[in-house]
């Protein structure tokens, strides 16, 4: 998997990194926001794209 396309999804509630995904940065310029399950909050919450360190 290419590091260029790799993104990290972080929970908006507890601020923990839960998911890693891929994104085509040429076609999608905005930051990705998905409603996903957080195992720490134990509910479906909004997850935002953050920088991969």
Protein backbone atom coordinates (compact mmCIF):
# COMPACT_ATOMS: atom_id res chain seq x y z
CA UNK A 1 0.00 0.00 0.00
CA UNK A 2 1.36 3.36 -1.01
CA UNK A 3 2.08 5.87 1.76
CA UNK A 4 0.81 8.70 -0.48
CA UNK A 5 -2.75 7.39 -0.44
CA UNK A 6 -2.84 6.26 3.19
CA UNK A 7 -4.94 8.31 5.65
CA UNK A 8 -5.74 7.96 9.35
CA UNK A 9 -9.28 8.37 10.73
CA UNK A 10 -9.57 9.79 14.25
CA UNK A 11 -12.64 9.83 16.48
CA UNK A 12 -14.07 13.29 17.16
CA UNK A 13 -15.26 12.32 20.66
CA UNK A 14 -12.26 10.58 22.28
CA UNK A 15 -9.56 11.71 19.77
CA UNK A 16 -8.16 8.17 19.34
CA UNK A 17 -6.94 6.76 16.01
CA UNK A 18 -9.20 3.87 15.06
CA UNK A 19 -9.02 3.33 11.31
CA UNK A 20 -6.59 3.54 8.40
CA UNK A 21 -7.86 3.88 4.86
CA UNK A 22 -6.86 4.95 1.35
CA UNK A 23 -7.91 8.04 -0.57
CA UNK A 24 -7.27 9.28 -4.09
CA UNK A 25 -5.91 12.75 -3.30
CA UNK A 26 -6.13 13.87 -6.94
CA UNK A 27 -9.92 13.53 -7.10
CA UNK A 28 -10.88 14.23 -3.45
CA UNK A 29 -9.39 17.48 -2.14
CA UNK A 30 -11.49 17.89 1.04
CA UNK A 31 -10.79 16.02 4.28
CA UNK A 32 -12.73 12.80 4.61
CA UNK A 33 -15.43 12.53 7.32
CA UNK A 34 -17.17 9.21 7.97
CA UNK A 35 -19.53 7.99 10.65
CA UNK A 36 -17.85 4.82 11.96
CA UNK A 37 -17.94 2.67 15.10
CA UNK A 38 -15.49 3.66 17.85
CA UNK A 39 -14.54 0.77 20.14
CA UNK A 40 -13.48 3.21 22.87
CA UNK A 41 -16.73 5.23 22.88
CA UNK A 42 -18.80 2.09 22.09
CA UNK A 43 -21.01 3.94 19.60
CA UNK A 44 -21.09 5.23 16.03
CA UNK A 45 -19.48 8.69 15.91
CA UNK A 46 -17.97 10.96 13.27
CA UNK A 47 -14.36 10.15 12.34
CA UNK A 48 -12.20 12.77 10.58
CA UNK A 49 -9.11 12.38 8.43
CA UNK A 50 -5.87 13.38 10.17
CA UNK A 51 -2.21 13.48 9.14
CA UNK A 52 -0.21 10.28 9.15
CA UNK A 53 2.99 10.73 11.17
